């Protein structure tokens, strides 16, 4: 007289149900999505450094970094995104002086940001 209905996701999917709606999400990550995610995490770290340095929202910067191999490759592939999101007029791949080191997703990056003068353009 009692029936219990259970939904379970197939491998590579996540399933959720609420208020009569059912959603299935494909959760497999390919190399491109992983690279994009790593770049977004790096952008987040740059934005934190900008905030901590009390830069204005429209201040352009010089960004210098050194990163682990996988992260460096991701940043090269998404260089335009990195530049646009952080207002980095210059991106230098070198060991930064007085850099700040971050670790995430098994990767390491050392970053340095320098505000460019307003008349840099």
PDB file of N, CA and C in Angstrom:
ATOM      1  N   UNK A   1       0.790  -1.195   0.000  1.00  0.00           N
ATOM      2  CA  UNK A   1       0.000   0.000   0.000  1.00  0.00           C
ATOM      3  C   UNK A   1       0.836   1.264   0.000  1.00  0.00           C
ATOM      4  N   UNK A   2       2.103   1.142   0.343  1.00  0.00           N
ATOM      5  CA  UNK A   2       2.978   2.303   0.310  1.00  0.00           C
ATOM      6  C   UNK A   2       3.993   2.132  -0.801  1.00  0.00           C
ATOM      7  N   UNK A   3       4.222   3.220  -1.503  1.00  0.00           N
ATOM      8  CA  UNK A   3       5.204   3.219  -2.582  1.00  0.00           C
ATOM      9  C   UNK A   3       6.178   4.363  -2.334  1.00  0.00           C
ATOM     10  N   UNK A   4       7.428   4.063  -2.429  1.00  0.00           N
ATOM     11  CA  UNK A   4       8.451   5.096  -2.286  1.00  0.00           C
ATOM     12  C   UNK A   4       9.164   5.224  -3.623  1.00  0.00           C
ATOM     13  N   UNK A   5       9.137   6.426  -4.157  1.00  0.00           N
ATOM     14  CA  UNK A   5       9.793   6.687  -5.441  1.00  0.00           C
ATOM     15  C   UNK A   5      11.103   7.399  -5.158  1.00  0.00           C
ATOM     16  N   UNK A   6      12.177   6.831  -5.643  1.00  0.00           N
ATOM     17  CA  UNK A   6      13.498   7.447  -5.487  1.00  0.00           C
ATOM     18  C   UNK A   6      14.086   7.721  -6.853  1.00  0.00           C
ATOM     19  N   UNK A   7      14.651   8.880  -6.975  1.00  0.00           N
ATOM     20  CA  UNK A   7      15.346   9.221  -8.213  1.00  0.00           C
ATOM     21  C   UNK A   7      16.832   9.193  -7.908  1.00  0.00           C
ATOM     22  N   UNK A   8      17.562   8.552  -8.759  1.00  0.00           N
ATOM     23  CA  UNK A   8      19.019   8.549  -8.607  1.00  0.00           C
ATOM     24  C   UNK A   8      19.639   8.898  -9.946  1.00  0.00           C
ATOM     25  N   UNK A   9      20.709   9.592  -9.878  1.00  0.00           N
ATOM     26  CA  UNK A   9      21.361  10.076 -11.093  1.00  0.00           C
ATOM     27  C   UNK A   9      22.251   8.998 -11.691  1.00  0.00           C
ATOM     28  N   UNK A  10      22.291   8.972 -12.998  1.00  0.00           N
ATOM     29  CA  UNK A  10      23.250   8.123 -13.691  1.00  0.00           C
ATOM     30  C   UNK A  10      24.637   8.709 -13.486  1.00  0.00           C
ATOM     31  N   UNK A  11      25.640   7.907 -13.703  1.00  0.00           N
ATOM     32  CA  UNK A  11      27.009   8.396 -13.536  1.00  0.00           C
ATOM     33  C   UNK A  11      27.243   9.587 -14.455  1.00  0.00           C
ATOM     34  N   UNK A  12      27.851  10.635 -13.894  1.00  0.00           N
ATOM     35  CA  UNK A  12      28.136  11.848 -14.660  1.00  0.00           C
ATOM     36  C   UNK A  12      27.018  12.871 -14.616  1.00  0.00           C
ATOM     37  N   UNK A  13      25.978  12.605 -13.834  1.00  0.00           N
ATOM     38  CA  UNK A  13      24.856  13.529 -13.708  1.00  0.00           C
ATOM     39  C   UNK A  13      24.520  13.751 -12.240  1.00  0.00           C
ATOM     40  N   UNK A  14      23.975  14.916 -11.949  1.00  0.00           N
ATOM     41  CA  UNK A  14      23.415  15.219 -10.637  1.00  0.00           C
ATOM     42  C   UNK A  14      21.943  15.530 -10.850  1.00  0.00           C
ATOM     43  N   UNK A  15      21.092  15.042  -9.953  1.00  0.00           N
ATOM     44  CA  UNK A  15      19.653  15.223 -10.096  1.00  0.00           C
ATOM     45  C   UNK A  15      19.109  15.870  -8.829  1.00  0.00           C
ATOM     46  N   UNK A  16      18.182  16.811  -9.016  1.00  0.00           N
ATOM     47  CA  UNK A  16      17.514  17.438  -7.885  1.00  0.00           C
ATOM     48  C   UNK A  16      16.053  17.668  -8.256  1.00  0.00           C
ATOM     49  N   UNK A  17      15.189  17.525  -7.259  1.00  0.00           N
ATOM     50  CA  UNK A  17      13.761  17.747  -7.468  1.00  0.00           C
ATOM     51  C   UNK A  17      13.247  18.650  -6.365  1.00  0.00           C
ATOM     52  N   UNK A  18      12.413  19.621  -6.754  1.00  0.00           N
ATOM     53  CA  UNK A  18      11.814  20.514  -5.777  1.00  0.00           C
ATOM     54  C   UNK A  18      10.531  21.071  -6.371  1.00  0.00           C
ATOM     55  N   UNK A  19       9.498  21.095  -5.589  1.00  0.00           N
ATOM     56  CA  UNK A  19       8.207  21.685  -5.974  1.00  0.00           C
ATOM     57  C   UNK A  19       7.705  21.145  -7.312  1.00  0.00           C
ATOM     58  N   UNK A  20       7.893  19.880  -7.537  1.00  0.00           N
ATOM     59  CA  UNK A  20       7.388  19.257  -8.758  1.00  0.00           C
ATOM     60  C   UNK A  20       8.280  19.404  -9.970  1.00  0.00           C
ATOM     61  N   UNK A  21       9.428  20.032  -9.824  1.00  0.00           N
ATOM     62  CA  UNK A  21      10.360  20.202 -10.930  1.00  0.00           C
ATOM     63  C   UNK A  21      11.554  19.283 -10.724  1.00  0.00           C
ATOM     64  N   UNK A  22      12.009  18.702 -11.793  1.00  0.00           N
ATOM     65  CA  UNK A  22      13.160  17.803 -11.756  1.00  0.00           C
ATOM     66  C   UNK A  22      14.238  18.362 -12.685  1.00  0.00           C
ATOM     67  N   UNK A  23      15.458  18.433 -12.173  1.00  0.00           N
ATOM     68  CA  UNK A  23      16.573  18.950 -12.961  1.00  0.00           C
ATOM     69  C   UNK A  23      17.695  17.920 -12.938  1.00  0.00           C
ATOM     70  N   UNK A  24      18.266  17.659 -14.103  1.00  0.00           N
ATOM     71  CA  UNK A  24      19.448  16.799 -14.214  1.00  0.00           C
ATOM     72  C   UNK A  24      20.556  17.624 -14.828  1.00  0.00           C
ATOM     73  N   UNK A  25      21.720  17.579 -14.208  1.00  0.00           N
ATOM     74  CA  UNK A  25      22.855  18.381 -14.656  1.00  0.00           C
ATOM     75  C   UNK A  25      24.023  17.467 -14.989  1.00  0.00           C
ATOM     76  N   UNK A  26      24.575  17.642 -16.170  1.00  0.00           N
ATOM     77  CA  UNK A  26      25.746  16.879 -16.590  1.00  0.00           C
ATOM     78  C   UNK A  26      26.952  17.426 -15.847  1.00  0.00           C
ATOM     79  N   UNK A  27      27.679  16.585 -15.129  1.00  0.00           N
ATOM     80  CA  UNK A  27      28.746  17.066 -14.253  1.00  0.00           C
ATOM     81  C   UNK A  27      30.155  16.726 -14.718  1.00  0.00           C
ATOM     82  N   UNK A  28      30.291  16.058 -15.849  1.00  0.00           N
ATOM     83  CA  UNK A  28      31.629  15.735 -16.344  1.00  0.00           C
ATOM     84  C   UNK A  28      32.320  17.007 -16.835  1.00  0.00           C
ATOM     85  N   UNK A  29      33.576  17.157 -16.469  1.00  0.00           N
ATOM     86  CA  UNK A  29      34.345  18.325 -16.877  1.00  0.00           C
ATOM     87  C   UNK A  29      35.373  17.928 -17.922  1.00  0.00           C
ATOM     88  N   UNK A  30      35.432  18.704 -19.007  1.00  0.00           N
ATOM     89  CA  UNK A  30      36.469  18.470 -20.009  1.00  0.00           C
ATOM     90  C   UNK A  30      37.626  19.439 -19.749  1.00  0.00           C
ATOM     91  N   UNK A  31      38.695  19.282 -20.488  1.00  0.00           N
ATOM     92  CA  UNK A  31      39.891  20.111 -20.278  1.00  0.00           C
ATOM     93  C   UNK A  31      39.606  21.601 -20.442  1.00  0.00           C
ATOM     94  N   UNK A  32      38.751  21.952 -21.387  1.00  0.00           N
ATOM     95  CA  UNK A  32      38.429  23.358 -21.621  1.00  0.00           C
ATOM     96  C   UNK A  32      37.695  23.972 -20.420  1.00  0.00           C
ATOM     97  N   UNK A  33      36.735  23.246 -19.869  1.00  0.00           N
ATOM     98  CA  UNK A  33      36.018  23.749 -18.700  1.00  0.00           C
ATOM     99  C   UNK A  33      36.932  23.863 -17.486  1.00  0.00           C
ATOM    100  N   UNK A  34      37.829  22.919 -17.333  1.00  0.00           N
ATOM    101  CA  UNK A  34      38.784  22.965 -16.221  1.00  0.00           C
ATOM    102  C   UNK A  34      39.693  24.182 -16.359  1.00  0.00           C
ATOM    103  N   UNK A  35      40.192  24.432 -17.573  1.00  0.00           N
ATOM    104  CA  UNK A  35      41.060  25.591 -17.820  1.00  0.00           C
ATOM    105  C   UNK A  35      40.318  26.896 -17.549  1.00  0.00           C
ATOM    106  N   UNK A  36      39.064  26.973 -17.970  1.00  0.00           N
ATOM    107  CA  UNK A  36      38.268  28.175 -17.723  1.00  0.00           C
ATOM    108  C   UNK A  36      38.064  28.376 -16.218  1.00  0.00           C
ATOM    109  N   UNK A  37      37.785  27.308 -15.494  1.00  0.00           N
ATOM    110  CA  UNK A  37      37.605  27.407 -14.049  1.00  0.00           C
ATOM    111  C   UNK A  37      38.869  27.861 -13.338  1.00  0.00           C
ATOM    112  N   UNK A  38      40.014  27.335 -13.759  1.00  0.00           N
ATOM    113  CA  UNK A  38      41.288  27.755 -13.168  1.00  0.00           C
ATOM    114  C   UNK A  38      41.538  29.236 -13.419  1.00  0.00           C
ATOM    115  N   UNK A  39      41.237  29.683 -14.629  1.00  0.00           N
ATOM    116  CA  UNK A  39      41.425  31.097 -14.964  1.00  0.00           C
ATOM    117  C   UNK A  39      40.504  31.972 -14.122  1.00  0.00           C
ATOM    118  N   UNK A  40      39.271  31.563 -13.946  1.00  0.00           N
ATOM    119  CA  UNK A  40      38.341  32.330 -13.117  1.00  0.00           C
ATOM    120  C   UNK A  40      38.842  32.435 -11.672  1.00  0.00           C
ATOM    121  N   UNK A  41      39.426  31.354 -11.171  1.00  0.00           N
ATOM    122  CA  UNK A  41      39.985  31.394  -9.812  1.00  0.00           C
ATOM    123  C   UNK A  41      41.170  32.365  -9.742  1.00  0.00           C
ATOM    124  N   UNK A  42      41.998  32.379 -10.765  1.00  0.00           N
ATOM    125  CA  UNK A  42      43.123  33.318 -10.810  1.00  0.00           C
ATOM    126  C   UNK A  42      42.607  34.759 -10.865  1.00  0.00           C
ATOM    127  N   UNK A  43      41.580  35.005 -11.670  1.00  0.00           N
ATOM    128  CA  UNK A  43      40.982  36.340 -11.761  1.00  0.00           C
ATOM    129  C   UNK A  43      40.461  36.759 -10.385  1.00  0.00           C
ATOM    130  N   UNK A  44      39.830  35.846  -9.684  1.00  0.00           N
ATOM    131  CA  UNK A  44      39.316  36.155  -8.350  1.00  0.00           C
ATOM    132  C   UNK A  44      40.441  36.590  -7.416  1.00  0.00           C
ATOM    133  N   UNK A  45      41.585  35.909  -7.520  1.00  0.00           N
ATOM    134  CA  UNK A  45      42.726  36.270  -6.668  1.00  0.00           C
ATOM    135  C   UNK A  45      43.275  37.652  -7.031  1.00  0.00           C
ATOM    136  N   UNK A  46      43.337  37.949  -8.315  1.00  0.00           N
ATOM    137  CA  UNK A  46      43.793  39.281  -8.748  1.00  0.00           C
ATOM    138  C   UNK A  46      42.837  40.345  -8.223  1.00  0.00           C
ATOM    139  N   UNK A  47      41.537  40.078  -8.312  1.00  0.00           N
ATOM    140  CA  UNK A  47      40.554  41.056  -7.837  1.00  0.00           C
ATOM    141  C   UNK A  47      40.682  41.282  -6.324  1.00  0.00           C
ATOM    142  N   UNK A  48      40.974  40.223  -5.578  1.00  0.00           N
ATOM    143  CA  UNK A  48      41.209  40.378  -4.140  1.00  0.00           C
ATOM    144  C   UNK A  48      42.432  41.255  -3.882  1.00  0.00           C
ATOM    145  N   UNK A  49      43.481  41.040  -4.662  1.00  0.00           N
ATOM    146  CA  UNK A  49      44.689  41.854  -4.502  1.00  0.00           C
ATOM    147  C   UNK A  49      44.409  43.311  -4.850  1.00  0.00           C
ATOM    148  N   UNK A  50      43.621  43.558  -5.892  1.00  0.00           N
ATOM    149  CA  UNK A  50      43.244  44.929  -6.261  1.00  0.00           C
ATOM    150  C   UNK A  50      42.495  45.586  -5.114  1.00  0.00           C
ATOM    151  N   UNK A  51      41.542  44.850  -4.527  1.00  0.00           N
ATOM    152  CA  UNK A  51      40.750  45.388  -3.414  1.00  0.00           C
ATOM    153  C   UNK A  51      41.648  45.683  -2.210  1.00  0.00           C
ATOM    154  N   UNK A  52      42.513  44.723  -1.877  1.00  0.00           N
ATOM    155  CA  UNK A  52      43.391  44.899  -0.723  1.00  0.00           C
ATOM    156  C   UNK A  52      44.356  46.066  -0.908  1.00  0.00           C
ATOM    157  N   UNK A  53      44.719  46.358  -2.167  1.00  0.00           N
ATOM    158  CA  UNK A  53      45.609  47.484  -2.460  1.00  0.00           C
ATOM    159  C   UNK A  53      44.835  48.802  -2.584  1.00  0.00           C
ATOM    160  N   UNK A  54      43.512  48.733  -2.406  1.00  0.00           N
ATOM    161  CA  UNK A  54      42.645  49.907  -2.464  1.00  0.00           C
ATOM    162  C   UNK A  54      42.661  50.581  -3.833  1.00  0.00           C
ATOM    163  N   UNK A  55      42.730  49.777  -4.898  1.00  0.00           N
ATOM    164  CA  UNK A  55      42.655  50.323  -6.247  1.00  0.00           C
ATOM    165  C   UNK A  55      41.209  50.700  -6.545  1.00  0.00           C
ATOM    166  N   UNK A  56      41.030  51.723  -7.368  1.00  0.00           N
ATOM    167  CA  UNK A  56      39.701  52.092  -7.841  1.00  0.00           C
ATOM    168  C   UNK A  56      39.221  51.041  -8.845  1.00  0.00           C
ATOM    169  N   UNK A  57      37.912  50.943  -9.020  1.00  0.00           N
ATOM    170  CA  UNK A  57      37.353  49.951  -9.936  1.00  0.00           C
ATOM    171  C   UNK A  57      37.855  50.113 -11.369  1.00  0.00           C
ATOM    172  N   UNK A  58      38.163  51.361 -11.758  1.00  0.00           N
ATOM    173  CA  UNK A  58      38.588  51.605 -13.131  1.00  0.00           C
ATOM    174  C   UNK A  58      40.105  51.728 -13.286  1.00  0.00           C
ATOM    175  N   UNK A  59      40.869  51.462 -12.229  1.00  0.00           N
ATOM    176  CA  UNK A  59      42.332  51.499 -12.320  1.00  0.00           C
ATOM    177  C   UNK A  59      42.842  50.351 -13.186  1.00  0.00           C
ATOM    178  N   UNK A  60      43.696  50.676 -14.125  1.00  0.00           N
ATOM    179  CA  UNK A  60      44.343  49.653 -14.947  1.00  0.00           C
ATOM    180  C   UNK A  60      45.617  49.204 -14.240  1.00  0.00           C
ATOM    181  N   UNK A  61      46.001  47.953 -14.511  1.00  0.00           N
ATOM    182  CA  UNK A  61      47.129  47.390 -13.774  1.00  0.00           C
ATOM    183  C   UNK A  61      48.151  46.744 -14.699  1.00  0.00           C
ATOM    184  N   UNK A  62      49.316  46.536 -14.120  1.00  0.00           N
ATOM    185  CA  UNK A  62      50.352  45.692 -14.696  1.00  0.00           C
ATOM    186  C   UNK A  62      50.304  44.423 -13.848  1.00  0.00           C
ATOM    187  N   UNK A  63      50.105  43.278 -14.473  1.00  0.00           N
ATOM    188  CA  UNK A  63      49.991  42.000 -13.776  1.00  0.00           C
ATOM    189  C   UNK A  63      51.208  41.142 -14.105  1.00  0.00           C
ATOM    190  N   UNK A  64      51.860  40.659 -13.074  1.00  0.00           N
ATOM    191  CA  UNK A  64      52.993  39.756 -13.248  1.00  0.00           C
ATOM    192  C   UNK A  64      52.679  38.485 -12.473  1.00  0.00           C
ATOM    193  N   UNK A  65      52.949  37.339 -13.112  1.00  0.00           N
ATOM    194  CA  UNK A  65      52.659  36.088 -12.421  1.00  0.00           C
ATOM    195  C   UNK A  65      53.607  34.985 -12.861  1.00  0.00           C
ATOM    196  N   UNK A  66      53.721  33.998 -12.001  1.00  0.00           N
ATOM    197  CA  UNK A  66      54.323  32.724 -12.334  1.00  0.00           C
ATOM    198  C   UNK A  66      53.372  31.674 -11.779  1.00  0.00           C
ATOM    199  N   UNK A  67      53.163  30.599 -12.529  1.00  0.00           N
ATOM    200  CA  UNK A  67      52.161  29.614 -12.130  1.00  0.00           C
ATOM    201  C   UNK A  67      52.633  28.204 -12.443  1.00  0.00           C
ATOM    202  N   UNK A  68      51.997  27.244 -11.789  1.00  0.00           N
ATOM    203  CA  UNK A  68      52.265  25.844 -12.096  1.00  0.00           C
ATOM    204  C   UNK A  68      51.876  25.584 -13.550  1.00  0.00           C
ATOM    205  N   UNK A  69      52.400  24.524 -14.126  1.00  0.00           N
ATOM    206  CA  UNK A  69      52.262  24.277 -15.568  1.00  0.00           C
ATOM    207  C   UNK A  69      50.819  24.285 -16.062  1.00  0.00           C
ATOM    208  N   UNK A  70      49.951  23.545 -15.407  1.00  0.00           N
ATOM    209  CA  UNK A  70      48.557  23.440 -15.854  1.00  0.00           C
ATOM    210  C   UNK A  70      47.856  24.795 -15.782  1.00  0.00           C
ATOM    211  N   UNK A  71      48.086  25.532 -14.714  1.00  0.00           N
ATOM    212  CA  UNK A  71      47.477  26.843 -14.551  1.00  0.00           C
ATOM    213  C   UNK A  71      48.055  27.847 -15.544  1.00  0.00           C
ATOM    214  N   UNK A  72      49.361  27.801 -15.772  1.00  0.00           N
ATOM    215  CA  UNK A  72      49.992  28.707 -16.743  1.00  0.00           C
ATOM    216  C   UNK A  72      49.415  28.484 -18.135  1.00  0.00           C
ATOM    217  N   UNK A  73      49.212  27.229 -18.496  1.00  0.00           N
ATOM    218  CA  UNK A  73      48.629  26.907 -19.808  1.00  0.00           C
ATOM    219  C   UNK A  73      47.201  27.440 -19.902  1.00  0.00           C
ATOM    220  N   UNK A  74      46.438  27.293 -18.826  1.00  0.00           N
ATOM    221  CA  UNK A  74      45.064  27.808 -18.812  1.00  0.00           C
ATOM    222  C   UNK A  74      45.051  29.320 -18.979  1.00  0.00           C
ATOM    223  N   UNK A  75      45.948  30.012 -18.268  1.00  0.00           N
ATOM    224  CA  UNK A  75      45.991  31.475 -18.341  1.00  0.00           C
ATOM    225  C   UNK A  75      46.395  31.959 -19.730  1.00  0.00           C
ATOM    226  N   UNK A  76      47.274  31.233 -20.388  1.00  0.00           N
ATOM    227  CA  UNK A  76      47.648  31.610 -21.752  1.00  0.00           C
ATOM    228  C   UNK A  76      46.458  31.447 -22.692  1.00  0.00           C
ATOM    229  N   UNK A  77      45.675  30.387 -22.494  1.00  0.00           N
ATOM    230  CA  UNK A  77      44.512  30.146 -23.345  1.00  0.00           C
ATOM    231  C   UNK A  77      43.386  31.149 -23.128  1.00  0.00           C
ATOM    232  N   UNK A  78      43.328  31.700 -21.947  1.00  0.00           N
ATOM    233  CA  UNK A  78      42.279  32.664 -21.600  1.00  0.00           C
ATOM    234  C   UNK A  78      42.878  34.034 -21.281  1.00  0.00           C
ATOM    235  N   UNK A  79      43.942  34.399 -21.951  1.00  0.00           N
ATOM    236  CA  UNK A  79      44.643  35.658 -21.673  1.00  0.00           C
ATOM    237  C   UNK A  79      43.744  36.881 -21.882  1.00  0.00           C
ATOM    238  N   UNK A  80      42.929  36.876 -22.916  1.00  0.00           N
ATOM    239  CA  UNK A  80      42.053  38.022 -23.175  1.00  0.00           C
ATOM    240  C   UNK A  80      41.010  38.170 -22.077  1.00  0.00           C
ATOM    241  N   UNK A  81      40.477  37.067 -21.608  1.00  0.00           N
ATOM    242  CA  UNK A  81      39.522  37.096 -20.500  1.00  0.00           C
ATOM    243  C   UNK A  81      40.204  37.649 -19.248  1.00  0.00           C
ATOM    244  N   UNK A  82      41.400  37.149 -18.959  1.00  0.00           N
ATOM    245  CA  UNK A  82      42.170  37.617 -17.808  1.00  0.00           C
ATOM    246  C   UNK A  82      42.414  39.116 -17.902  1.00  0.00           C
ATOM    247  N   UNK A  83      42.815  39.572 -19.064  1.00  0.00           N
ATOM    248  CA  UNK A  83      43.106  40.991 -19.290  1.00  0.00           C
ATOM    249  C   UNK A  83      41.846  41.834 -19.101  1.00  0.00           C
ATOM    250  N   UNK A  84      40.741  41.410 -19.690  1.00  0.00           N
ATOM    251  CA  UNK A  84      39.502  42.186 -19.625  1.00  0.00           C
ATOM    252  C   UNK A  84      38.928  42.239 -18.217  1.00  0.00           C
ATOM    253  N   UNK A  85      38.926  41.132 -17.519  1.00  0.00           N
ATOM    254  CA  UNK A  85      38.313  41.075 -16.194  1.00  0.00           C
ATOM    255  C   UNK A  85      39.114  41.818 -15.134  1.00  0.00           C
ATOM    256  N   UNK A  86      40.408  41.908 -15.308  1.00  0.00           N
ATOM    257  CA  UNK A  86      41.261  42.529 -14.288  1.00  0.00           C
ATOM    258  C   UNK A  86      41.756  43.915 -14.679  1.00  0.00           C
ATOM    259  N   UNK A  87      41.420  44.365 -15.878  1.00  0.00           N
ATOM    260  CA  UNK A  87      41.921  45.628 -16.436  1.00  0.00           C
ATOM    261  C   UNK A  87      43.450  45.636 -16.485  1.00  0.00           C
ATOM    262  N   UNK A  88      44.014  44.497 -16.851  1.00  0.00           N
ATOM    263  CA  UNK A  88      45.466  44.380 -16.958  1.00  0.00           C
ATOM    264  C   UNK A  88      45.900  44.810 -18.349  1.00  0.00           C
ATOM    265  N   UNK A  89      46.525  45.974 -18.434  1.00  0.00           N
ATOM    266  CA  UNK A  89      47.049  46.440 -19.719  1.00  0.00           C
ATOM    267  C   UNK A  89      48.296  45.652 -20.100  1.00  0.00           C
ATOM    268  N   UNK A  90      49.025  45.204 -19.093  1.00  0.00           N
ATOM    269  CA  UNK A  90      50.241  44.423 -19.319  1.00  0.00           C
ATOM    270  C   UNK A  90      50.166  43.156 -18.472  1.00  0.00           C
ATOM    271  N   UNK A  91      50.469  42.027 -19.112  1.00  0.00           N
ATOM    272  CA  UNK A  91      50.560  40.761 -18.388  1.00  0.00           C
ATOM    273  C   UNK A  91      51.942  40.199 -18.656  1.00  0.00           C
ATOM    274  N   UNK A  92      52.696  40.024 -17.583  1.00  0.00           N
ATOM    275  CA  UNK A  92      54.061  39.519 -17.694  1.00  0.00           C
ATOM    276  C   UNK A  92      54.153  38.163 -17.010  1.00  0.00           C
ATOM    277  N   UNK A  93      54.705  37.204 -17.719  1.00  0.00           N
ATOM    278  CA  UNK A  93      54.946  35.890 -17.126  1.00  0.00           C
ATOM    279  C   UNK A  93      56.391  35.889 -16.652  1.00  0.00           C
ATOM    280  N   UNK A  94      56.559  36.099 -15.361  1.00  0.00           N
ATOM    281  CA  UNK A  94      57.873  36.174 -14.728  1.00  0.00           C
ATOM    282  C   UNK A  94      57.664  36.025 -13.230  1.00  0.00           C
ATOM    283  N   UNK A  95      58.733  35.749 -12.523  1.00  0.00           N
ATOM    284  CA  UNK A  95      58.629  35.664 -11.071  1.00  0.00           C
ATOM    285  C   UNK A  95      58.458  37.067 -10.517  1.00  0.00           C
ATOM    286  N   UNK A  96      57.308  37.349  -9.910  1.00  0.00           N
ATOM    287  CA  UNK A  96      57.064  38.710  -9.430  1.00  0.00           C
ATOM    288  C   UNK A  96      57.834  39.028  -8.154  1.00  0.00           C
ATOM    289  N   UNK A  97      58.291  40.264  -8.071  1.00  0.00           N
ATOM    290  CA  UNK A  97      58.899  40.742  -6.832  1.00  0.00           C
ATOM    291  C   UNK A  97      57.772  41.057  -5.866  1.00  0.00           C
ATOM    292  N   UNK A  98      57.941  40.700  -4.618  1.00  0.00           N
ATOM    293  CA  UNK A  98      56.924  40.960  -3.594  1.00  0.00           C
ATOM    294  C   UNK A  98      55.564  40.403  -3.987  1.00  0.00           C
ATOM    295  N   UNK A  99      55.558  39.249  -4.630  1.00  0.00           N
ATOM    296  CA  UNK A  99      54.305  38.640  -5.051  1.00  0.00           C
ATOM    297  C   UNK A  99      53.597  37.923  -3.916  1.00  0.00           C
ATOM    298  N   UNK A 100      52.342  37.650  -4.146  1.00  0.00           N
ATOM    299  CA  UNK A 100      51.530  36.906  -3.197  1.00  0.00           C
ATOM    300  C   UNK A 100      51.210  35.555  -3.825  1.00  0.00           C
ATOM    301  N   UNK A 101      51.391  34.475  -3.075  1.00  0.00           N
ATOM    302  CA  UNK A 101      51.197  33.124  -3.593  1.00  0.00           C
ATOM    303  C   UNK A 101      49.856  32.563  -3.138  1.00  0.00           C
ATOM    304  N   UNK A 102      49.165  31.937  -4.084  1.00  0.00           N
ATOM    305  CA  UNK A 102      47.870  31.305  -3.821  1.00  0.00           C
ATOM    306  C   UNK A 102      47.921  29.862  -4.302  1.00  0.00           C
ATOM    307  N   UNK A 103      47.190  28.998  -3.616  1.00  0.00           N
ATOM    308  CA  UNK A 103      47.047  27.608  -4.044  1.00  0.00           C
ATOM    309  C   UNK A 103      45.562  27.292  -4.125  1.00  0.00           C
ATOM    310  N   UNK A 104      45.149  26.680  -5.232  1.00  0.00           N
ATOM    311  CA  UNK A 104      43.767  26.235  -5.392  1.00  0.00           C
ATOM    312  C   UNK A 104      43.727  25.132  -6.434  1.00  0.00           C
ATOM    313  N   UNK A 105      42.821  24.209  -6.246  1.00  0.00           N
ATOM    314  CA  UNK A 105      42.618  23.082  -7.174  1.00  0.00           C
ATOM    315  C   UNK A 105      43.920  22.366  -7.514  1.00  0.00           C
ATOM    316  N   UNK A 106      44.817  22.274  -6.566  1.00  0.00           N
ATOM    317  CA  UNK A 106      46.084  21.591  -6.793  1.00  0.00           C
ATOM    318  C   UNK A 106      47.092  22.390  -7.601  1.00  0.00           C
ATOM    319  N   UNK A 107      46.802  23.656  -7.843  1.00  0.00           N
ATOM    320  CA  UNK A 107      47.679  24.520  -8.628  1.00  0.00           C
ATOM    321  C   UNK A 107      48.198  25.653  -7.753  1.00  0.00           C
ATOM    322  N   UNK A 108      49.315  26.257  -8.196  1.00  0.00           N
ATOM    323  CA  UNK A 108      49.939  27.353  -7.454  1.00  0.00           C
ATOM    324  C   UNK A 108      50.195  28.523  -8.394  1.00  0.00           C
ATOM    325  N   UNK A 109      49.948  29.731  -7.883  1.00  0.00           N
ATOM    326  CA  UNK A 109      50.233  30.943  -8.654  1.00  0.00           C
ATOM    327  C   UNK A 109      50.782  31.999  -7.708  1.00  0.00           C
ATOM    328  N   UNK A 110      51.788  32.728  -8.180  1.00  0.00           N
ATOM    329  CA  UNK A 110      52.316  33.877  -7.457  1.00  0.00           C
ATOM    330  C   UNK A 110      52.023  35.104  -8.303  1.00  0.00           C
ATOM    331  N   UNK A 111      51.349  36.077  -7.713  1.00  0.00           N
ATOM    332  CA  UNK A 111      50.858  37.254  -8.427  1.00  0.00           C
ATOM    333  C   UNK A 111      51.410  38.544  -7.835  1.00  0.00           C
ATOM    334  N   UNK A 112      51.561  39.510  -8.712  1.00  0.00           N
ATOM    335  CA  UNK A 112      51.896  40.865  -8.302  1.00  0.00           C
ATOM    336  C   UNK A 112      51.092  41.813  -9.189  1.00  0.00           C
ATOM    337  N   UNK A 113      50.462  42.811  -8.564  1.00  0.00           N
ATOM    338  CA  UNK A 113      49.708  43.810  -9.322  1.00  0.00           C
ATOM    339  C   UNK A 113      50.247  45.200  -9.003  1.00  0.00           C
ATOM    340  N   UNK A 114      50.380  46.001 -10.040  1.00  0.00           N
ATOM    341  CA  UNK A 114      50.850  47.367  -9.898  1.00  0.00           C
ATOM    342  C   UNK A 114      49.884  48.278 -10.638  1.00  0.00           C
ATOM    343  N   UNK A 115      49.428  49.317  -9.971  1.00  0.00           N
ATOM    344  CA  UNK A 115      48.510  50.260 -10.598  1.00  0.00           C
ATOM    345  C   UNK A 115      49.268  51.077 -11.640  1.00  0.00           C
ATOM    346  N   UNK A 116      48.662  51.247 -12.801  1.00  0.00           N
ATOM    347  CA  UNK A 116      49.235  52.094 -13.841  1.00  0.00           C
ATOM    348  C   UNK A 116      48.691  53.513 -13.672  1.00  0.00           C
ATOM    349  N   UNK A 117      49.493  54.467 -14.040  1.00  0.00           N
ATOM    350  CA  UNK A 117      49.075  55.864 -13.955  1.00  0.00           C
ATOM    351  C   UNK A 117      47.885  56.100 -14.866  1.00  0.00           C
ATOM    352  N   UNK A 118      47.038  57.036 -14.500  1.00  0.00           N
ATOM    353  CA  UNK A 118      45.817  57.325 -15.261  1.00  0.00           C
ATOM    354  C   UNK A 118      46.105  57.731 -16.702  1.00  0.00           C
ATOM    355  N   UNK A 119      47.256  58.329 -16.965  1.00  0.00           N
ATOM    356  CA  UNK A 119      47.560  58.781 -18.334  1.00  0.00           C
ATOM    357  C   UNK A 119      48.371  57.750 -19.107  1.00  0.00           C
ATOM    358  N   UNK A 120      48.207  56.464 -18.767  1.00  0.00           N
ATOM    359  CA  UNK A 120      48.968  55.393 -19.422  1.00  0.00           C
ATOM    360  C   UNK A 120      48.533  55.152 -20.843  1.00  0.00           C
ATOM    361  N   UNK A 121      47.323  55.543 -21.229  1.00  0.00           N
ATOM    362  CA  UNK A 121      46.774  55.219 -22.556  1.00  0.00           C
ATOM    363  C   UNK A 121      47.313  56.086 -23.644  1.00  0.00           C
TER     364      UNK A 121
END
